[in-house]
Amino acid sequence: MLYTGLSLIGIGVIWYIVHAIIYNYFLRKHNPGIFDDSLQPRHSGKLSKKATVVVTSGKTPAWVMLFGIPPIPLFFLGILITIVALIMMLFQ
């Protein structure tokens, strides 16, 4: 049971990283200049209008957004299973 929990944690982390790479690819593909001014200082603490428009524009495919849903619950489920397995090992 311990290995199951640790493998779920690993799968969740890897899935999250893969999703971030795919999401970044589609953002760059549909909005080529999105990250060009990300290193510029913010003026008066306001977010860039460009970033706000990109996030709400809906140019990222739906499957990419849905692909990012499972990794976080998998990660927490893996932590829960690992904790339960460690407690069971402690009382044996």
PDB file of N, CA and C in Angstrom:
ATOM      1  N   MET A   1       0.823  -1.192   0.000  1.00  0.00           N
ATOM      2  CA  MET A   1       0.000   0.000   0.000  1.00  0.00           C
ATOM      3  C   MET A   1       0.871   1.262   0.000  1.00  0.00           C
ATOM      4  N   LEU A   2       2.022   1.149   0.635  1.00  0.00           N
ATOM      5  CA  LEU A   2       2.933   2.288   0.670  1.00  0.00           C
ATOM      6  C   LEU A   2       3.429   2.629  -0.737  1.00  0.00           C
ATOM      7  N   TYR A   3       3.759   1.586  -1.512  1.00  0.00           N
ATOM      8  CA  TYR A   3       4.241   1.818  -2.873  1.00  0.00           C
ATOM      9  C   TYR A   3       3.146   2.385  -3.767  1.00  0.00           C
ATOM     10  N   THR A   4       1.916   2.009  -3.514  1.00  0.00           N
ATOM     11  CA  THR A   4       0.801   2.563  -4.272  1.00  0.00           C
ATOM     12  C   THR A   4       0.677   4.065  -4.018  1.00  0.00           C
ATOM     13  N   GLY A   5       0.759   4.468  -2.760  1.00  0.00           N
ATOM     14  CA  GLY A   5       0.678   5.885  -2.419  1.00  0.00           C
ATOM     15  C   GLY A   5       1.825   6.685  -3.007  1.00  0.00           C
ATOM     16  N   LEU A   6       3.041   6.133  -2.914  1.00  0.00           N
ATOM     17  CA  LEU A   6       4.195   6.839  -3.465  1.00  0.00           C
ATOM     18  C   LEU A   6       4.121   6.923  -4.985  1.00  0.00           C
ATOM     19  N   SER A   7       3.619   5.866  -5.626  1.00  0.00           N
ATOM     20  CA  SER A   7       3.495   5.924  -7.083  1.00  0.00           C
ATOM     21  C   SER A   7       2.415   6.925  -7.502  1.00  0.00           C
ATOM     22  N   LEU A   8       1.321   7.038  -6.743  1.00  0.00           N
ATOM     23  CA  LEU A   8       0.302   8.040  -7.055  1.00  0.00           C
ATOM     24  C   LEU A   8       0.854   9.454  -6.903  1.00  0.00           C
ATOM     25  N   ILE A   9       1.681   9.663  -5.896  1.00  0.00           N
ATOM     26  CA  ILE A   9       2.320  10.975  -5.732  1.00  0.00           C
ATOM     27  C   ILE A   9       3.211  11.271  -6.931  1.00  0.00           C
ATOM     28  N   GLY A  10       4.007  10.294  -7.347  1.00  0.00           N
ATOM     29  CA  GLY A  10       4.888  10.478  -8.503  1.00  0.00           C
ATOM     30  C   GLY A  10       4.113  10.732  -9.787  1.00  0.00           C
ATOM     31  N   ILE A  11       3.040   9.956 -10.001  1.00  0.00           N
ATOM     32  CA  ILE A  11       2.219  10.151 -11.198  1.00  0.00           C
ATOM     33  C   ILE A  11       1.589  11.538 -11.193  1.00  0.00           C
ATOM     34  N   GLY A  12       1.107  11.984 -10.033  1.00  0.00           N
ATOM     35  CA  GLY A  12       0.506  13.313  -9.935  1.00  0.00           C
ATOM     36  C   GLY A  12       1.486  14.423 -10.253  1.00  0.00           C
ATOM     37  N   VAL A  13       2.711  14.297  -9.744  1.00  0.00           N
ATOM     38  CA  VAL A  13       3.727  15.327  -9.991  1.00  0.00           C
ATOM     39  C   VAL A  13       4.125  15.350 -11.468  1.00  0.00           C
ATOM     40  N   ILE A  14       4.365  14.170 -12.039  1.00  0.00           N
ATOM     41  CA  ILE A  14       4.753  14.105 -13.446  1.00  0.00           C
ATOM     42  C   ILE A  14       3.625  14.606 -14.349  1.00  0.00           C
ATOM     43  N   TRP A  15       2.390  14.229 -14.033  1.00  0.00           N
ATOM     44  CA  TRP A  15       1.243  14.665 -14.827  1.00  0.00           C
ATOM     45  C   TRP A  15       1.110  16.185 -14.782  1.00  0.00           C
ATOM     46  N   TYR A  16       1.318  16.769 -13.594  1.00  0.00           N
ATOM     47  CA  TYR A  16       1.220  18.220 -13.445  1.00  0.00           C
ATOM     48  C   TYR A  16       2.288  18.929 -14.286  1.00  0.00           C
ATOM     49  N   ILE A  17       3.498  18.386 -14.292  1.00  0.00           N
ATOM     50  CA  ILE A  17       4.583  18.986 -15.078  1.00  0.00           C
ATOM     51  C   ILE A  17       4.285  18.882 -16.568  1.00  0.00           C
ATOM     52  N   VAL A  18       3.803  17.713 -17.017  1.00  0.00           N
ATOM     53  CA  VAL A  18       3.457  17.539 -18.428  1.00  0.00           C
ATOM     54  C   VAL A  18       2.344  18.509 -18.820  1.00  0.00           C
ATOM     55  N   HIS A  19       1.352  18.666 -17.950  1.00  0.00           N
ATOM     56  CA  HIS A  19       0.276  19.610 -18.242  1.00  0.00           C
ATOM     57  C   HIS A  19       0.807  21.033 -18.353  1.00  0.00           C
ATOM     58  N   ALA A  20       1.710  21.408 -17.470  1.00  0.00           N
ATOM     59  CA  ALA A  20       2.274  22.760 -17.531  1.00  0.00           C
ATOM     60  C   ALA A  20       3.037  22.985 -18.832  1.00  0.00           C
ATOM     61  N   ILE A  21       3.763  21.969 -19.295  1.00  0.00           N
ATOM     62  CA  ILE A  21       4.508  22.096 -20.551  1.00  0.00           C
ATOM     63  C   ILE A  21       3.549  22.232 -21.730  1.00  0.00           C
ATOM     64  N   ILE A  22       2.497  21.397 -21.763  1.00  0.00           N
ATOM     65  CA  ILE A  22       1.523  21.464 -22.861  1.00  0.00           C
ATOM     66  C   ILE A  22       0.775  22.795 -22.842  1.00  0.00           C
ATOM     67  N   TYR A  23       0.384  23.243 -21.653  1.00  0.00           N
ATOM     68  CA  TYR A  23      -0.331  24.516 -21.518  1.00  0.00           C
ATOM     69  C   TYR A  23       0.551  25.677 -21.991  1.00  0.00           C
ATOM     70  N   ASN A  24       1.816  25.650 -21.609  1.00  0.00           N
ATOM     71  CA  ASN A  24       2.757  26.680 -22.029  1.00  0.00           C
ATOM     72  C   ASN A  24       2.930  26.662 -23.545  1.00  0.00           C
ATOM     73  N   TYR A  25       2.989  25.477 -24.139  1.00  0.00           N
ATOM     74  CA  TYR A  25       3.117  25.356 -25.590  1.00  0.00           C
ATOM     75  C   TYR A  25       1.932  26.006 -26.306  1.00  0.00           C
ATOM     76  N   PHE A  26       0.709  25.710 -25.845  1.00  0.00           N
ATOM     77  CA  PHE A  26      -0.461  26.272 -26.513  1.00  0.00           C
ATOM     78  C   PHE A  26      -0.582  27.771 -26.274  1.00  0.00           C
ATOM     79  N   LEU A  27      -0.168  28.259 -25.114  1.00  0.00           N
ATOM     80  CA  LEU A  27      -0.171  29.705 -24.905  1.00  0.00           C
ATOM     81  C   LEU A  27       0.792  30.392 -25.858  1.00  0.00           C
ATOM     82  N   ARG A  28       1.981  29.832 -26.007  1.00  0.00           N
ATOM     83  CA  ARG A  28       2.959  30.423 -26.924  1.00  0.00           C
ATOM     84  C   ARG A  28       2.518  30.302 -28.378  1.00  0.00           C
ATOM     85  N   LYS A  29       1.837  29.213 -28.724  1.00  0.00           N
ATOM     86  CA  LYS A  29       1.406  28.992 -30.103  1.00  0.00           C
ATOM     87  C   LYS A  29       0.334  29.996 -30.516  1.00  0.00           C
ATOM     88  N   HIS A  30      -0.665  30.212 -29.644  1.00  0.00           N
ATOM     89  CA  HIS A  30      -1.778  31.087 -30.003  1.00  0.00           C
ATOM     90  C   HIS A  30      -1.512  32.555 -29.682  1.00  0.00           C
ATOM     91  N   ASN A  31      -0.568  32.823 -28.804  1.00  0.00           N
ATOM     92  CA  ASN A  31      -0.223  34.196 -28.422  1.00  0.00           C
ATOM     93  C   ASN A  31       1.292  34.310 -28.363  1.00  0.00           C
ATOM     94  N   PRO A  32       1.961  34.503 -29.489  1.00  0.00           N
ATOM     95  CA  PRO A  32       3.420  34.424 -29.540  1.00  0.00           C
ATOM     96  C   PRO A  32       4.159  35.382 -28.609  1.00  0.00           C
ATOM     97  N   GLY A  33       3.641  36.534 -28.327  1.00  0.00           N
ATOM     98  CA  GLY A  33       4.372  37.493 -27.515  1.00  0.00           C
ATOM     99  C   GLY A  33       3.938  37.548 -26.069  1.00  0.00           C
ATOM    100  N   ILE A  34       3.292  36.510 -25.581  1.00  0.00           N
ATOM    101  CA  ILE A  34       2.706  36.575 -24.243  1.00  0.00           C
ATOM    102  C   ILE A  34       3.747  36.697 -23.134  1.00  0.00           C
ATOM    103  N   PHE A  35       4.886  36.045 -23.294  1.00  0.00           N
ATOM    104  CA  PHE A  35       5.871  36.042 -22.216  1.00  0.00           C
ATOM    105  C   PHE A  35       6.992  37.036 -22.439  1.00  0.00           C
ATOM    106  N   ASP A  36       6.892  37.877 -23.445  1.00  0.00           N
ATOM    107  CA  ASP A  36       7.965  38.820 -23.739  1.00  0.00           C
ATOM    108  C   ASP A  36       8.127  39.880 -22.662  1.00  0.00           C
ATOM    109  N   ASP A  37       7.028  40.404 -22.157  1.00  0.00           N
ATOM    110  CA  ASP A  37       7.129  41.469 -21.156  1.00  0.00           C
ATOM    111  C   ASP A  37       6.898  40.954 -19.737  1.00  0.00           C
ATOM    112  N   SER A  38       7.056  39.654 -19.520  1.00  0.00           N
ATOM    113  CA  SER A  38       6.808  39.119 -18.180  1.00  0.00           C
ATOM    114  C   SER A  38       7.875  39.546 -17.187  1.00  0.00           C
ATOM    115  N   LEU A  39       9.063  39.914 -17.669  1.00  0.00           N
ATOM    116  CA  LEU A  39      10.129  40.339 -16.765  1.00  0.00           C
ATOM    117  C   LEU A  39      10.126  41.836 -16.523  1.00  0.00           C
ATOM    118  N   GLN A  40       9.224  42.552 -17.168  1.00  0.00           N
ATOM    119  CA  GLN A  40       9.120  43.996 -16.979  1.00  0.00           C
ATOM    120  C   GLN A  40       8.484  44.277 -15.618  1.00  0.00           C
ATOM    121  N   PRO A  41       8.915  45.329 -14.945  1.00  0.00           N
ATOM    122  CA  PRO A  41       8.289  45.656 -13.659  1.00  0.00           C
ATOM    123  C   PRO A  41       6.843  46.098 -13.845  1.00  0.00           C
ATOM    124  N   ARG A  42       6.022  45.759 -12.881  1.00  0.00           N
ATOM    125  CA  ARG A  42       4.607  46.155 -12.936  1.00  0.00           C
ATOM    126  C   ARG A  42       4.476  47.618 -12.563  1.00  0.00           C
ATOM    127  N   HIS A  43       3.605  48.298 -13.261  1.00  0.00           N
ATOM    128  CA  HIS A  43       3.391  49.706 -12.981  1.00  0.00           C
ATOM    129  C   HIS A  43       2.264  49.839 -11.974  1.00  0.00           C
ATOM    130  N   SER A  44       2.554  50.457 -10.880  1.00  0.00           N
ATOM    131  CA  SER A  44       1.613  50.751  -9.795  1.00  0.00           C
ATOM    132  C   SER A  44       0.897  49.492  -9.288  1.00  0.00           C
ATOM    133  N   GLY A  45       1.569  48.350  -9.343  1.00  0.00           N
ATOM    134  CA  GLY A  45       1.015  47.131  -8.765  1.00  0.00           C
ATOM    135  C   GLY A  45      -0.098  46.480  -9.560  1.00  0.00           C
ATOM    136  N   LYS A  46      -0.402  46.950 -10.756  1.00  0.00           N
ATOM    137  CA  LYS A  46      -1.486  46.375 -11.548  1.00  0.00           C
ATOM    138  C   LYS A  46      -0.943  45.278 -12.452  1.00  0.00           C
ATOM    139  N   LEU A  47      -1.759  44.279 -12.713  1.00  0.00           N
ATOM    140  CA  LEU A  47      -1.364  43.220 -13.627  1.00  0.00           C
ATOM    141  C   LEU A  47      -1.379  43.741 -15.057  1.00  0.00           C
ATOM    142  N   SER A  48      -0.613  43.099 -15.883  1.00  0.00           N
ATOM    143  CA  SER A  48      -0.581  43.477 -17.293  1.00  0.00           C
ATOM    144  C   SER A  48      -1.929  43.174 -17.938  1.00  0.00           C
ATOM    145  N   LYS A  49      -2.426  44.094 -18.731  1.00  0.00           N
ATOM    146  CA  LYS A  49      -3.701  43.869 -19.427  1.00  0.00           C
ATOM    147  C   LYS A  49      -3.569  42.723 -20.411  1.00  0.00           C
ATOM    148  N   LYS A  50      -2.401  42.576 -20.974  1.00  0.00           N
ATOM    149  CA  LYS A  50      -2.160  41.522 -21.942  1.00  0.00           C
ATOM    150  C   LYS A  50      -2.360  40.139 -21.310  1.00  0.00           C
ATOM    151  N   ALA A  51      -1.828  39.926 -20.113  1.00  0.00           N
ATOM    152  CA  ALA A  51      -1.982  38.640 -19.438  1.00  0.00           C
ATOM    153  C   ALA A  51      -3.439  38.391 -19.088  1.00  0.00           C
ATOM    154  N   THR A  52      -4.154  39.417 -18.680  1.00  0.00           N
ATOM    155  CA  THR A  52      -5.563  39.260 -18.343  1.00  0.00           C
ATOM    156  C   THR A  52      -6.372  38.865 -19.566  1.00  0.00           C
ATOM    157  N   VAL A  53      -6.083  39.462 -20.706  1.00  0.00           N
ATOM    158  CA  VAL A  53      -6.801  39.150 -21.938  1.00  0.00           C
ATOM    159  C   VAL A  53      -6.514  37.720 -22.367  1.00  0.00           C
ATOM    160  N   VAL A  54      -5.268  37.271 -22.254  1.00  0.00           N
ATOM    161  CA  VAL A  54      -4.905  35.925 -22.689  1.00  0.00           C
ATOM    162  C   VAL A  54      -5.572  34.877 -21.825  1.00  0.00           C
ATOM    163  N   VAL A  55      -5.597  35.076 -20.530  1.00  0.00           N
ATOM    164  CA  VAL A  55      -6.187  34.091 -19.636  1.00  0.00           C
ATOM    165  C   VAL A  55      -7.686  33.956 -19.891  1.00  0.00           C
ATOM    166  N   THR A  56      -8.358  35.017 -20.228  1.00  0.00           N
ATOM    167  CA  THR A  56      -9.798  34.968 -20.425  1.00  0.00           C
ATOM    168  C   THR A  56     -10.208  34.836 -21.884  1.00  0.00           C
ATOM    169  N   SER A  57      -9.247  34.748 -22.814  1.00  0.00           N
ATOM    170  CA  SER A  57      -9.593  34.731 -24.233  1.00  0.00           C
ATOM    171  C   SER A  57     -10.133  33.386 -24.696  1.00  0.00           C
ATOM    172  N   GLY A  58      -9.805  32.275 -24.047  1.00  0.00           N
ATOM    173  CA  GLY A  58     -10.321  30.966 -24.420  1.00  0.00           C
ATOM    174  C   GLY A  58      -9.657  30.372 -25.638  1.00  0.00           C
ATOM    175  N   LYS A  59      -8.418  30.736 -25.917  1.00  0.00           N
ATOM    176  CA  LYS A  59      -7.730  30.187 -27.081  1.00  0.00           C
ATOM    177  C   LYS A  59      -7.051  28.855 -26.784  1.00  0.00           C
ATOM    178  N   THR A  60      -6.976  28.463 -25.551  1.00  0.00           N
ATOM    179  CA  THR A  60      -6.404  27.171 -25.200  1.00  0.00           C
ATOM    180  C   THR A  60      -7.478  26.107 -25.375  1.00  0.00           C
ATOM    181  N   PRO A  61      -7.152  24.980 -26.052  1.00  0.00           N
ATOM    182  CA  PRO A  61      -8.161  23.940 -26.259  1.00  0.00           C
ATOM    183  C   PRO A  61      -8.709  23.381 -24.952  1.00  0.00           C
ATOM    184  N   ALA A  62      -9.942  22.933 -25.000  1.00  0.00           N
ATOM    185  CA  ALA A  62     -10.596  22.426 -23.791  1.00  0.00           C
ATOM    186  C   ALA A  62      -9.908  21.177 -23.258  1.00  0.00           C
ATOM    187  N   TRP A  63      -9.390  20.330 -24.143  1.00  0.00           N
ATOM    188  CA  TRP A  63      -8.758  19.103 -23.655  1.00  0.00           C
ATOM    189  C   TRP A  63      -7.500  19.407 -22.844  1.00  0.00           C
ATOM    190  N   VAL A  64      -6.820  20.508 -23.157  1.00  0.00           N
ATOM    191  CA  VAL A  64      -5.636  20.881 -22.380  1.00  0.00           C
ATOM    192  C   VAL A  64      -6.052  21.291 -20.974  1.00  0.00           C
ATOM    193  N   MET A  65      -7.135  22.035 -20.875  1.00  0.00           N
ATOM    194  CA  MET A  65      -7.610  22.452 -19.556  1.00  0.00           C
ATOM    195  C   MET A  65      -8.112  21.243 -18.757  1.00  0.00           C
ATOM    196  N   LEU A  66      -8.836  20.341 -19.402  1.00  0.00           N
ATOM    197  CA  LEU A  66      -9.338  19.149 -18.708  1.00  0.00           C
ATOM    198  C   LEU A  66      -8.210  18.196 -18.337  1.00  0.00           C
ATOM    199  N   PHE A  67      -7.144  18.188 -19.111  1.00  0.00           N
ATOM    200  CA  PHE A  67      -5.987  17.346 -18.827  1.00  0.00           C
ATOM    201  C   PHE A  67      -5.314  17.754 -17.515  1.00  0.00           C
ATOM    202  N   GLY A  68      -5.511  18.998 -17.092  1.00  0.00           N
ATOM    203  CA  GLY A  68      -4.873  19.484 -15.878  1.00  0.00           C
ATOM    204  C   GLY A  68      -5.673  19.262 -14.610  1.00  0.00           C
ATOM    205  N   ILE A  69      -6.863  18.702 -14.696  1.00  0.00           N
ATOM    206  CA  ILE A  69      -7.689  18.509 -13.506  1.00  0.00           C
ATOM    207  C   ILE A  69      -7.204  17.353 -12.608  1.00  0.00           C
ATOM    208  N   PRO A  70      -6.898  16.170 -13.119  1.00  0.00           N
ATOM    209  CA  PRO A  70      -6.594  15.027 -12.247  1.00  0.00           C
ATOM    210  C   PRO A  70      -5.306  15.062 -11.424  1.00  0.00           C
ATOM    211  N   PRO A  71      -4.231  15.767 -11.803  1.00  0.00           N
ATOM    212  CA  PRO A  71      -2.995  15.592 -11.047  1.00  0.00           C
ATOM    213  C   PRO A  71      -3.056  16.017  -9.586  1.00  0.00           C
ATOM    214  N   ILE A  72      -3.755  17.063  -9.265  1.00  0.00           N
ATOM    215  CA  ILE A  72      -3.775  17.524  -7.866  1.00  0.00           C
ATOM    216  C   ILE A  72      -4.538  16.553  -6.968  1.00  0.00           C
ATOM    217  N   PRO A  73      -5.736  16.073  -7.357  1.00  0.00           N
ATOM    218  CA  PRO A  73      -6.377  15.047  -6.517  1.00  0.00           C
ATOM    219  C   PRO A  73      -5.563  13.759  -6.426  1.00  0.00           C
ATOM    220  N   LEU A  74      -4.880  13.368  -7.511  1.00  0.00           N
ATOM    221  CA  LEU A  74      -4.025  12.180  -7.450  1.00  0.00           C
ATOM    222  C   LEU A  74      -2.907  12.370  -6.443  1.00  0.00           C
ATOM    223  N   PHE A  75      -2.308  13.546  -6.440  1.00  0.00           N
ATOM    224  CA  PHE A  75      -1.229  13.846  -5.507  1.00  0.00           C
ATOM    225  C   PHE A  75      -1.719  13.742  -4.058  1.00  0.00           C
ATOM    226  N   PHE A  76      -2.870  14.363  -3.762  1.00  0.00           N
ATOM    227  CA  PHE A  76      -3.384  14.317  -2.397  1.00  0.00           C
ATOM    228  C   PHE A  76      -3.856  12.926  -2.003  1.00  0.00           C
ATOM    229  N   LEU A  77      -4.421  12.172  -2.946  1.00  0.00           N
ATOM    230  CA  LEU A  77      -4.806  10.797  -2.667  1.00  0.00           C
ATOM    231  C   LEU A  77      -3.573   9.952  -2.360  1.00  0.00           C
ATOM    232  N   GLY A  78      -2.502  10.174  -3.104  1.00  0.00           N
ATOM    233  CA  GLY A  78      -1.251   9.466  -2.827  1.00  0.00           C
ATOM    234  C   GLY A  78      -0.708   9.789  -1.455  1.00  0.00           C
ATOM    235  N   ILE A  79      -0.796  11.049  -1.040  1.00  0.00           N
ATOM    236  CA  ILE A  79      -0.342  11.430   0.308  1.00  0.00           C
ATOM    237  C   ILE A  79      -1.200  10.742   1.358  1.00  0.00           C
ATOM    238  N   LEU A  80      -2.508  10.733   1.156  1.00  0.00           N
ATOM    239  CA  LEU A  80      -3.413  10.092   2.108  1.00  0.00           C
ATOM    240  C   LEU A  80      -3.126   8.594   2.223  1.00  0.00           C
ATOM    241  N   ILE A  81      -2.964   7.916   1.104  1.00  0.00           N
ATOM    242  CA  ILE A  81      -2.686   6.481   1.129  1.00  0.00           C
ATOM    243  C   ILE A  81      -1.331   6.206   1.783  1.00  0.00           C
ATOM    244  N   THR A  82      -0.353   7.051   1.521  1.00  0.00           N
ATOM    245  CA  THR A  82       0.964   6.878   2.138  1.00  0.00           C
ATOM    246  C   THR A  82       0.889   7.053   3.651  1.00  0.00           C
ATOM    247  N   ILE A  83       0.148   8.045   4.114  1.00  0.00           N
ATOM    248  CA  ILE A  83       0.008   8.260   5.557  1.00  0.00           C
ATOM    249  C   ILE A  83      -0.697   7.083   6.201  1.00  0.00           C
ATOM    250  N   VAL A  84      -1.767   6.596   5.582  1.00  0.00           N
ATOM    251  CA  VAL A  84      -2.490   5.448   6.132  1.00  0.00           C
ATOM    252  C   VAL A  84      -1.578   4.222   6.168  1.00  0.00           C
ATOM    253  N   ALA A  85      -0.792   4.013   5.111  1.00  0.00           N
ATOM    254  CA  ALA A  85       0.125   2.872   5.077  1.00  0.00           C
ATOM    255  C   ALA A  85       1.188   2.968   6.161  1.00  0.00           C
ATOM    256  N   LEU A  86       1.706   4.177   6.388  1.00  0.00           N
ATOM    257  CA  LEU A  86       2.707   4.353   7.439  1.00  0.00           C
ATOM    258  C   LEU A  86       2.110   4.128   8.825  1.00  0.00           C
ATOM    259  N   ILE A  87       0.880   4.576   9.035  1.00  0.00           N
ATOM    260  CA  ILE A  87       0.223   4.337  10.321  1.00  0.00           C
ATOM    261  C   ILE A  87      -0.036   2.844  10.529  1.00  0.00           C
ATOM    262  N   MET A  88      -0.435   2.159   9.463  1.00  0.00           N
ATOM    263  CA  MET A  88      -0.653   0.718   9.569  1.00  0.00           C
ATOM    264  C   MET A  88       0.649  -0.025   9.865  1.00  0.00           C
ATOM    265  N   MET A  89       1.748   0.420   9.251  1.00  0.00           N
ATOM    266  CA  MET A  89       3.046  -0.193   9.525  1.00  0.00           C
ATOM    267  C   MET A  89       3.490   0.072  10.958  1.00  0.00           C
ATOM    268  N   LEU A  90       3.124   1.226  11.484  1.00  0.00           N
ATOM    269  CA  LEU A  90       3.513   1.597  12.841  1.00  0.00           C
ATOM    270  C   LEU A  90       2.841   0.697  13.881  1.00  0.00           C
ATOM    271  N   PHE A  91       1.591   0.305  13.640  1.00  0.00           N
ATOM    272  CA  PHE A  91       0.846  -0.491  14.603  1.00  0.00           C
ATOM    273  C   PHE A  91       0.944  -1.995  14.364  1.00  0.00           C
ATOM    274  N   GLN A  92       1.742  -2.425  13.441  1.00  0.00           N
ATOM    275  CA  GLN A  92       1.903  -3.876  13.223  1.00  0.00           C
ATOM    276  C   GLN A  92       2.993  -4.440  14.068  1.00  0.00           C
TER     277      GLN A  92
END
